[in-house]
Amino acid sequence: MAEDIKAKLQRYKTAPFDSRFPNQNQTKNCWQNYLDFHRCEKAMAAKGADASPCQWYYRVYKSLCPTSWVTTWDEYREEGTFPGKI
């Protein structure tokens, strides 16, 4: 399975179609992948497992989200005022 994930990451070009977000506006898709990445990292760290599968969410949100949003969200997480549940 790890080889399958690594192969998908190597073929990765841009965010694939996600049927949960069929509209042109991809704001919710960006937000969800940002949350999923940080949830995944937190879960893997709690298990003591390798967090490489989380890179999928990272690459998707980096592809979809404006840098200014990500920077702001990261600052909020550091301050403890982030509105999302991670």
PDB file of N, CA and C in Angstrom:
ATOM      1  N   MET A   1       0.824  -1.193   0.000  1.00  0.00           N
ATOM      2  CA  MET A   1       0.000   0.000   0.000  1.00  0.00           C
ATOM      3  C   MET A   1       0.864   1.252   0.000  1.00  0.00           C
ATOM      4  N   ALA A   2       1.955   1.256   0.726  1.00  0.00           N
ATOM      5  CA  ALA A   2       2.834   2.425   0.772  1.00  0.00           C
ATOM      6  C   ALA A   2       3.404   2.712  -0.610  1.00  0.00           C
ATOM      7  N   GLU A   3       3.693   1.662  -1.372  1.00  0.00           N
ATOM      8  CA  GLU A   3       4.209   1.858  -2.718  1.00  0.00           C
ATOM      9  C   GLU A   3       3.149   2.503  -3.604  1.00  0.00           C
ATOM     10  N   ASP A   4       1.887   2.123  -3.397  1.00  0.00           N
ATOM     11  CA  ASP A   4       0.791   2.686  -4.167  1.00  0.00           C
ATOM     12  C   ASP A   4       0.664   4.183  -3.898  1.00  0.00           C
ATOM     13  N   ILE A   5       0.766   4.588  -2.652  1.00  0.00           N
ATOM     14  CA  ILE A   5       0.678   5.999  -2.283  1.00  0.00           C
ATOM     15  C   ILE A   5       1.859   6.767  -2.858  1.00  0.00           C
ATOM     16  N   LYS A   6       3.046   6.195  -2.770  1.00  0.00           N
ATOM     17  CA  LYS A   6       4.230   6.863  -3.318  1.00  0.00           C
ATOM     18  C   LYS A   6       4.119   7.010  -4.832  1.00  0.00           C
ATOM     19  N   ALA A   7       3.575   6.006  -5.497  1.00  0.00           N
ATOM     20  CA  ALA A   7       3.401   6.081  -6.948  1.00  0.00           C
ATOM     21  C   ALA A   7       2.399   7.168  -7.318  1.00  0.00           C
ATOM     22  N   LYS A   8       1.304   7.269  -6.558  1.00  0.00           N
ATOM     23  CA  LYS A   8       0.314   8.311  -6.823  1.00  0.00           C
ATOM     24  C   LYS A   8       0.911   9.698  -6.605  1.00  0.00           C
ATOM     25  N   LEU A   9       1.704   9.852  -5.565  1.00  0.00           N
ATOM     26  CA  LEU A   9       2.327  11.148  -5.301  1.00  0.00           C
ATOM     27  C   LEU A   9       3.294  11.549  -6.403  1.00  0.00           C
ATOM     28  N   GLN A  10       3.989  10.589  -6.980  1.00  0.00           N
ATOM     29  CA  GLN A  10       4.924  10.908  -8.053  1.00  0.00           C
ATOM     30  C   GLN A  10       4.192  11.315  -9.330  1.00  0.00           C
ATOM     31  N   ARG A  11       3.013  10.744  -9.579  1.00  0.00           N
ATOM     32  CA  ARG A  11       2.231  11.082 -10.768  1.00  0.00           C
ATOM     33  C   ARG A  11       1.400  12.345 -10.573  1.00  0.00           C
ATOM     34  N   TYR A  12       1.341  12.843  -9.361  1.00  0.00           N
ATOM     35  CA  TYR A  12       0.503  13.980  -9.007  1.00  0.00           C
ATOM     36  C   TYR A  12       0.886  15.229  -9.794  1.00  0.00           C
ATOM     37  N   LYS A  13      -0.061  15.844 -10.443  1.00  0.00           N
ATOM     38  CA  LYS A  13       0.173  17.087 -11.180  1.00  0.00           C
ATOM     39  C   LYS A  13      -0.563  18.250 -10.521  1.00  0.00           C
ATOM     40  N   THR A  14      -1.859  18.101 -10.340  1.00  0.00           N
ATOM     41  CA  THR A  14      -2.686  19.118  -9.704  1.00  0.00           C
ATOM     42  C   THR A  14      -3.841  18.411  -9.005  1.00  0.00           C
ATOM     43  N   ALA A  15      -4.631  19.161  -8.285  1.00  0.00           N
ATOM     44  CA  ALA A  15      -5.726  18.569  -7.520  1.00  0.00           C
ATOM     45  C   ALA A  15      -6.709  17.862  -8.449  1.00  0.00           C
ATOM     46  N   PRO A  16      -7.013  16.591  -8.169  1.00  0.00           N
ATOM     47  CA  PRO A  16      -7.964  15.861  -9.009  1.00  0.00           C
ATOM     48  C   PRO A  16      -9.395  16.299  -8.707  1.00  0.00           C
ATOM     49  N   PHE A  17     -10.321  15.908  -9.557  1.00  0.00           N
ATOM     50  CA  PHE A  17     -11.732  16.214  -9.341  1.00  0.00           C
ATOM     51  C   PHE A  17     -12.203  15.508  -8.079  1.00  0.00           C
ATOM     52  N   ASP A  18     -12.927  16.229  -7.255  1.00  0.00           N
ATOM     53  CA  ASP A  18     -13.509  15.667  -6.034  1.00  0.00           C
ATOM     54  C   ASP A  18     -15.011  15.868  -6.130  1.00  0.00           C
ATOM     55  N   SER A  19     -15.754  14.781  -6.199  1.00  0.00           N
ATOM     56  CA  SER A  19     -17.198  14.861  -6.407  1.00  0.00           C
ATOM     57  C   SER A  19     -17.928  15.522  -5.236  1.00  0.00           C
ATOM     58  N   ARG A  20     -17.275  15.660  -4.100  1.00  0.00           N
ATOM     59  CA  ARG A  20     -17.905  16.368  -2.977  1.00  0.00           C
ATOM     60  C   ARG A  20     -17.983  17.863  -3.248  1.00  0.00           C
ATOM     61  N   PHE A  21     -17.142  18.357  -4.169  1.00  0.00           N
ATOM     62  CA  PHE A  21     -17.074  19.777  -4.477  1.00  0.00           C
ATOM     63  C   PHE A  21     -17.182  19.968  -5.991  1.00  0.00           C
ATOM     64  N   PRO A  22     -18.394  19.773  -6.563  1.00  0.00           N
ATOM     65  CA  PRO A  22     -18.534  19.787  -8.019  1.00  0.00           C
ATOM     66  C   PRO A  22     -18.569  21.186  -8.639  1.00  0.00           C
ATOM     67  N   ASN A  23     -18.717  22.213  -7.832  1.00  0.00           N
ATOM     68  CA  ASN A  23     -18.858  23.558  -8.369  1.00  0.00           C
ATOM     69  C   ASN A  23     -17.520  24.179  -8.724  1.00  0.00           C
ATOM     70  N   GLN A  24     -17.593  25.292  -9.416  1.00  0.00           N
ATOM     71  CA  GLN A  24     -16.382  25.991  -9.831  1.00  0.00           C
ATOM     72  C   GLN A  24     -15.641  26.567  -8.630  1.00  0.00           C
ATOM     73  N   ASN A  25     -16.376  27.036  -7.629  1.00  0.00           N
ATOM     74  CA  ASN A  25     -15.764  27.605  -6.431  1.00  0.00           C
ATOM     75  C   ASN A  25     -15.169  26.469  -5.592  1.00  0.00           C
ATOM     76  N   GLN A  26     -13.855  26.474  -5.428  1.00  0.00           N
ATOM     77  CA  GLN A  26     -13.157  25.393  -4.723  1.00  0.00           C
ATOM     78  C   GLN A  26     -12.713  25.784  -3.325  1.00  0.00           C
ATOM     79  N   THR A  27     -13.312  26.821  -2.755  1.00  0.00           N
ATOM     80  CA  THR A  27     -12.938  27.293  -1.426  1.00  0.00           C
ATOM     81  C   THR A  27     -13.132  26.205  -0.373  1.00  0.00           C
ATOM     82  N   LYS A  28     -14.273  25.537  -0.387  1.00  0.00           N
ATOM     83  CA  LYS A  28     -14.541  24.480   0.600  1.00  0.00           C
ATOM     84  C   LYS A  28     -13.583  23.306   0.423  1.00  0.00           C
ATOM     85  N   ASN A  29     -13.236  23.011  -0.818  1.00  0.00           N
ATOM     86  CA  ASN A  29     -12.287  21.935  -1.104  1.00  0.00           C
ATOM     87  C   ASN A  29     -10.924  22.287  -0.504  1.00  0.00           C
ATOM     88  N   CYS A  30     -10.499  23.507  -0.685  1.00  0.00           N
ATOM     89  CA  CYS A  30      -9.243  23.991  -0.114  1.00  0.00           C
ATOM     90  C   CYS A  30      -9.262  23.827   1.401  1.00  0.00           C
ATOM     91  N   TRP A  31     -10.306  24.327   2.038  1.00  0.00           N
ATOM     92  CA  TRP A  31     -10.448  24.285   3.494  1.00  0.00           C
ATOM     93  C   TRP A  31     -10.435  22.848   4.000  1.00  0.00           C
ATOM     94  N   GLN A  32     -11.183  21.968   3.346  1.00  0.00           N
ATOM     95  CA  GLN A  32     -11.278  20.575   3.789  1.00  0.00           C
ATOM     96  C   GLN A  32      -9.943  19.858   3.684  1.00  0.00           C
ATOM     97  N   ASN A  33      -9.208  20.088   2.622  1.00  0.00           N
ATOM     98  CA  ASN A  33      -7.910  19.434   2.466  1.00  0.00           C
ATOM     99  C   ASN A  33      -6.890  19.984   3.451  1.00  0.00           C
ATOM    100  N   TYR A  34      -6.980  21.266   3.785  1.00  0.00           N
ATOM    101  CA  TYR A  34      -6.105  21.845   4.806  1.00  0.00           C
ATOM    102  C   TYR A  34      -6.368  21.163   6.157  1.00  0.00           C
ATOM    103  N   LEU A  35      -7.643  21.044   6.512  1.00  0.00           N
ATOM    104  CA  LEU A  35      -8.000  20.371   7.770  1.00  0.00           C
ATOM    105  C   LEU A  35      -7.578  18.905   7.747  1.00  0.00           C
ATOM    106  N   ASP A  36      -7.845  18.217   6.642  1.00  0.00           N
ATOM    107  CA  ASP A  36      -7.509  16.801   6.532  1.00  0.00           C
ATOM    108  C   ASP A  36      -6.008  16.567   6.679  1.00  0.00           C
ATOM    109  N   PHE A  37      -5.202  17.456   6.111  1.00  0.00           N
ATOM    110  CA  PHE A  37      -3.752  17.313   6.234  1.00  0.00           C
ATOM    111  C   PHE A  37      -3.324  17.399   7.696  1.00  0.00           C
ATOM    112  N   HIS A  38      -3.802  18.391   8.399  1.00  0.00           N
ATOM    113  CA  HIS A  38      -3.378  18.564   9.783  1.00  0.00           C
ATOM    114  C   HIS A  38      -3.975  17.493  10.701  1.00  0.00           C
ATOM    115  N   ARG A  39      -5.173  17.028  10.401  1.00  0.00           N
ATOM    116  CA  ARG A  39      -5.758  15.913  11.158  1.00  0.00           C
ATOM    117  C   ARG A  39      -4.946  14.642  10.935  1.00  0.00           C
ATOM    118  N   CYS A  40      -4.566  14.412   9.690  1.00  0.00           N
ATOM    119  CA  CYS A  40      -3.780  13.230   9.338  1.00  0.00           C
ATOM    120  C   CYS A  40      -2.432  13.259  10.058  1.00  0.00           C
ATOM    121  N   GLU A  41      -1.751  14.400  10.012  1.00  0.00           N
ATOM    122  CA  GLU A  41      -0.463  14.515  10.698  1.00  0.00           C
ATOM    123  C   GLU A  41      -0.602  14.259  12.194  1.00  0.00           C
ATOM    124  N   LYS A  42      -1.650  14.812  12.791  1.00  0.00           N
ATOM    125  CA  LYS A  42      -1.888  14.634  14.220  1.00  0.00           C
ATOM    126  C   LYS A  42      -2.157  13.164  14.548  1.00  0.00           C
ATOM    127  N   ALA A  43      -2.956  12.513  13.724  1.00  0.00           N
ATOM    128  CA  ALA A  43      -3.284  11.096  13.949  1.00  0.00           C
ATOM    129  C   ALA A  43      -2.055  10.212  13.782  1.00  0.00           C
ATOM    130  N   MET A  44      -1.249  10.487  12.770  1.00  0.00           N
ATOM    131  CA  MET A  44      -0.040   9.689  12.540  1.00  0.00           C
ATOM    132  C   MET A  44       0.977   9.903  13.649  1.00  0.00           C
ATOM    133  N   ALA A  45       1.093  11.117  14.134  1.00  0.00           N
ATOM    134  CA  ALA A  45       2.019  11.397  15.231  1.00  0.00           C
ATOM    135  C   ALA A  45       1.565  10.680  16.502  1.00  0.00           C
ATOM    136  N   ALA A  46       0.261  10.620  16.734  1.00  0.00           N
ATOM    137  CA  ALA A  46      -0.265   9.931  17.914  1.00  0.00           C
ATOM    138  C   ALA A  46       0.010   8.437  17.860  1.00  0.00           C
ATOM    139  N   LYS A  47      -0.006   7.873  16.642  1.00  0.00           N
ATOM    140  CA  LYS A  47       0.268   6.445  16.466  1.00  0.00           C
ATOM    141  C   LYS A  47       1.757   6.153  16.383  1.00  0.00           C
ATOM    142  N   GLY A  48       2.544   7.192  16.160  1.00  0.00           N
ATOM    143  CA  GLY A  48       3.976   6.995  15.971  1.00  0.00           C
ATOM    144  C   GLY A  48       4.288   6.444  14.590  1.00  0.00           C
ATOM    145  N   ALA A  49       3.385   6.661  13.645  1.00  0.00           N
ATOM    146  CA  ALA A  49       3.535   6.133  12.288  1.00  0.00           C
ATOM    147  C   ALA A  49       4.117   7.195  11.353  1.00  0.00           C
ATOM    148  N   ASP A  50       4.520   6.729  10.191  1.00  0.00           N
ATOM    149  CA  ASP A  50       5.056   7.616   9.160  1.00  0.00           C
ATOM    150  C   ASP A  50       3.927   8.478   8.598  1.00  0.00           C
ATOM    151  N   ALA A  51       4.163   9.766   8.466  1.00  0.00           N
ATOM    152  CA  ALA A  51       3.139  10.697   8.003  1.00  0.00           C
ATOM    153  C   ALA A  51       3.171  10.916   6.501  1.00  0.00           C
ATOM    154  N   SER A  52       3.861  10.082   5.752  1.00  0.00           N
ATOM    155  CA  SER A  52       3.954  10.295   4.304  1.00  0.00           C
ATOM    156  C   SER A  52       2.602  10.209   3.579  1.00  0.00           C
ATOM    157  N   PRO A  53       1.628   9.394   4.019  1.00  0.00           N
ATOM    158  CA  PRO A  53       0.329   9.428   3.338  1.00  0.00           C
ATOM    159  C   PRO A  53      -0.360  10.789   3.428  1.00  0.00           C
ATOM    160  N   CYS A  54      -0.008  11.576   4.417  1.00  0.00           N
ATOM    161  CA  CYS A  54      -0.616  12.897   4.595  1.00  0.00           C
ATOM    162  C   CYS A  54      -0.175  13.872   3.512  1.00  0.00           C
ATOM    163  N   GLN A  55       0.910  13.552   2.821  1.00  0.00           N
ATOM    164  CA  GLN A  55       1.418  14.455   1.793  1.00  0.00           C
ATOM    165  C   GLN A  55       0.417  14.658   0.662  1.00  0.00           C
ATOM    166  N   TRP A  56      -0.472  13.701   0.465  1.00  0.00           N
ATOM    167  CA  TRP A  56      -1.502  13.864  -0.558  1.00  0.00           C
ATOM    168  C   TRP A  56      -2.337  15.099  -0.244  1.00  0.00           C
ATOM    169  N   TYR A  57      -2.841  15.231   0.973  1.00  0.00           N
ATOM    170  CA  TYR A  57      -3.658  16.379   1.354  1.00  0.00           C
ATOM    171  C   TYR A  57      -2.860  17.673   1.262  1.00  0.00           C
ATOM    172  N   TYR A  58      -1.596  17.608   1.644  1.00  0.00           N
ATOM    173  CA  TYR A  58      -0.720  18.775   1.585  1.00  0.00           C
ATOM    174  C   TYR A  58      -0.607  19.286   0.153  1.00  0.00           C
ATOM    175  N   ARG A  59      -0.352  18.397  -0.762  1.00  0.00           N
ATOM    176  CA  ARG A  59      -0.173  18.798  -2.154  1.00  0.00           C
ATOM    177  C   ARG A  59      -1.472  19.316  -2.754  1.00  0.00           C
ATOM    178  N   VAL A  60      -2.595  18.738  -2.365  1.00  0.00           N
ATOM    179  CA  VAL A  60      -3.884  19.201  -2.882  1.00  0.00           C
ATOM    180  C   VAL A  60      -4.193  20.593  -2.345  1.00  0.00           C
ATOM    181  N   TYR A  61      -4.036  20.805  -1.032  1.00  0.00           N
ATOM    182  CA  TYR A  61      -4.372  22.135  -0.526  1.00  0.00           C
ATOM    183  C   TYR A  61      -3.370  23.179  -1.001  1.00  0.00           C
ATOM    184  N   LYS A  62      -2.115  22.816  -1.208  1.00  0.00           N
ATOM    185  CA  LYS A  62      -1.145  23.763  -1.760  1.00  0.00           C
ATOM    186  C   LYS A  62      -1.510  24.133  -3.190  1.00  0.00           C
ATOM    187  N   SER A  63      -2.119  23.217  -3.902  1.00  0.00           N
ATOM    188  CA  SER A  63      -2.532  23.467  -5.276  1.00  0.00           C
ATOM    189  C   SER A  63      -3.777  24.352  -5.328  1.00  0.00           C
ATOM    190  N   LEU A  64      -4.685  24.190  -4.371  1.00  0.00           N
ATOM    191  CA  LEU A  64      -5.968  24.888  -4.408  1.00  0.00           C
ATOM    192  C   LEU A  64      -5.994  26.207  -3.639  1.00  0.00           C
ATOM    193  N   CYS A  65      -5.305  26.274  -2.518  1.00  0.00           N
ATOM    194  CA  CYS A  65      -5.446  27.406  -1.599  1.00  0.00           C
ATOM    195  C   CYS A  65      -4.483  28.553  -1.920  1.00  0.00           C
ATOM    196  N   PRO A  66      -4.972  29.777  -1.845  1.00  0.00           N
ATOM    197  CA  PRO A  66      -4.064  30.917  -1.952  1.00  0.00           C
ATOM    198  C   PRO A  66      -3.076  30.925  -0.787  1.00  0.00           C
ATOM    199  N   THR A  67      -1.860  31.305  -1.054  1.00  0.00           N
ATOM    200  CA  THR A  67      -0.807  31.297  -0.034  1.00  0.00           C
ATOM    201  C   THR A  67      -1.174  32.175   1.153  1.00  0.00           C
ATOM    202  N   SER A  68      -1.816  33.288   0.908  1.00  0.00           N
ATOM    203  CA  SER A  68      -2.177  34.197   2.005  1.00  0.00           C
ATOM    204  C   SER A  68      -3.141  33.534   2.987  1.00  0.00           C
ATOM    205  N   TRP A  69      -4.054  32.704   2.487  1.00  0.00           N
ATOM    206  CA  TRP A  69      -4.978  31.995   3.370  1.00  0.00           C
ATOM    207  C   TRP A  69      -4.222  31.013   4.251  1.00  0.00           C
ATOM    208  N   VAL A  70      -3.337  30.250   3.626  1.00  0.00           N
ATOM    209  CA  VAL A  70      -2.583  29.229   4.358  1.00  0.00           C
ATOM    210  C   VAL A  70      -1.715  29.888   5.427  1.00  0.00           C
ATOM    211  N   THR A  71      -1.071  30.984   5.080  1.00  0.00           N
ATOM    212  CA  THR A  71      -0.235  31.702   6.040  1.00  0.00           C
ATOM    213  C   THR A  71      -1.071  32.175   7.223  1.00  0.00           C
ATOM    214  N   THR A  72      -2.228  32.725   6.942  1.00  0.00           N
ATOM    215  CA  THR A  72      -3.114  33.200   8.008  1.00  0.00           C
ATOM    216  C   THR A  72      -3.583  32.048   8.883  1.00  0.00           C
ATOM    217  N   TRP A  73      -3.978  30.945   8.261  1.00  0.00           N
ATOM    218  CA  TRP A  73      -4.448  29.785   9.027  1.00  0.00           C
ATOM    219  C   TRP A  73      -3.330  29.212   9.894  1.00  0.00           C
ATOM    220  N   ASP A  74      -2.113  29.176   9.359  1.00  0.00           N
ATOM    221  CA  ASP A  74      -0.976  28.685  10.144  1.00  0.00           C
ATOM    222  C   ASP A  74      -0.727  29.581  11.354  1.00  0.00           C
ATOM    223  N   GLU A  75      -0.838  30.895  11.158  1.00  0.00           N
ATOM    224  CA  GLU A  75      -0.668  31.824  12.278  1.00  0.00           C
ATOM    225  C   GLU A  75      -1.753  31.602  13.325  1.00  0.00           C
ATOM    226  N   TYR A  76      -2.986  31.406  12.891  1.00  0.00           N
ATOM    227  CA  TYR A  76      -4.084  31.140  13.821  1.00  0.00           C
ATOM    228  C   TYR A  76      -3.845  29.860  14.611  1.00  0.00           C
ATOM    229  N   ARG A  77      -3.337  28.824  13.942  1.00  0.00           N
ATOM    230  CA  ARG A  77      -3.063  27.566  14.644  1.00  0.00           C
ATOM    231  C   ARG A  77      -1.989  27.771  15.701  1.00  0.00           C
ATOM    232  N   GLU A  78      -0.951  28.540  15.382  1.00  0.00           N
ATOM    233  CA  GLU A  78       0.132  28.806  16.350  1.00  0.00           C
ATOM    234  C   GLU A  78      -0.390  29.599  17.551  1.00  0.00           C
ATOM    235  N   GLU A  79      -1.309  30.533  17.279  1.00  0.00           N
ATOM    236  CA  GLU A  79      -1.862  31.361  18.359  1.00  0.00           C
ATOM    237  C   GLU A  79      -2.931  30.622  19.172  1.00  0.00           C
ATOM    238  N   GLY A  80      -3.441  29.531  18.636  1.00  0.00           N
ATOM    239  CA  GLY A  80      -4.501  28.791  19.305  1.00  0.00           C
ATOM    240  C   GLY A  80      -5.889  29.346  19.032  1.00  0.00           C
ATOM    241  N   THR A  81      -6.021  30.153  18.001  1.00  0.00           N
ATOM    242  CA  THR A  81      -7.322  30.764  17.664  1.00  0.00           C
ATOM    243  C   THR A  81      -7.883  30.235  16.351  1.00  0.00           C
ATOM    244  N   PHE A  82      -7.373  29.115  15.875  1.00  0.00           N
ATOM    245  CA  PHE A  82      -7.833  28.560  14.608  1.00  0.00           C
ATOM    246  C   PHE A  82      -9.274  28.088  14.742  1.00  0.00           C
ATOM    247  N   PRO A  83     -10.169  28.487  13.797  1.00  0.00           N
ATOM    248  CA  PRO A  83     -11.582  28.155  13.932  1.00  0.00           C
ATOM    249  C   PRO A  83     -11.958  26.713  13.581  1.00  0.00           C
ATOM    250  N   GLY A  84     -11.083  25.989  12.890  1.00  0.00           N
ATOM    251  CA  GLY A  84     -11.390  24.623  12.495  1.00  0.00           C
ATOM    252  C   GLY A  84     -11.055  23.617  13.588  1.00  0.00           C
ATOM    253  N   LYS A  85     -11.678  22.441  13.493  1.00  0.00           N
ATOM    254  CA  LYS A  85     -11.413  21.386  14.469  1.00  0.00           C
ATOM    255  C   LYS A  85     -10.385  20.419  13.896  1.00  0.00           C
ATOM    256  N   ILE A  86      -9.197  20.439  14.484  1.00  0.00           N
ATOM    257  CA  ILE A  86      -8.126  19.552  14.029  1.00  0.00           C
ATOM    258  C   ILE A  86      -7.895  18.495  15.097  1.00  0.00           C
TER     259      ILE A  86
END
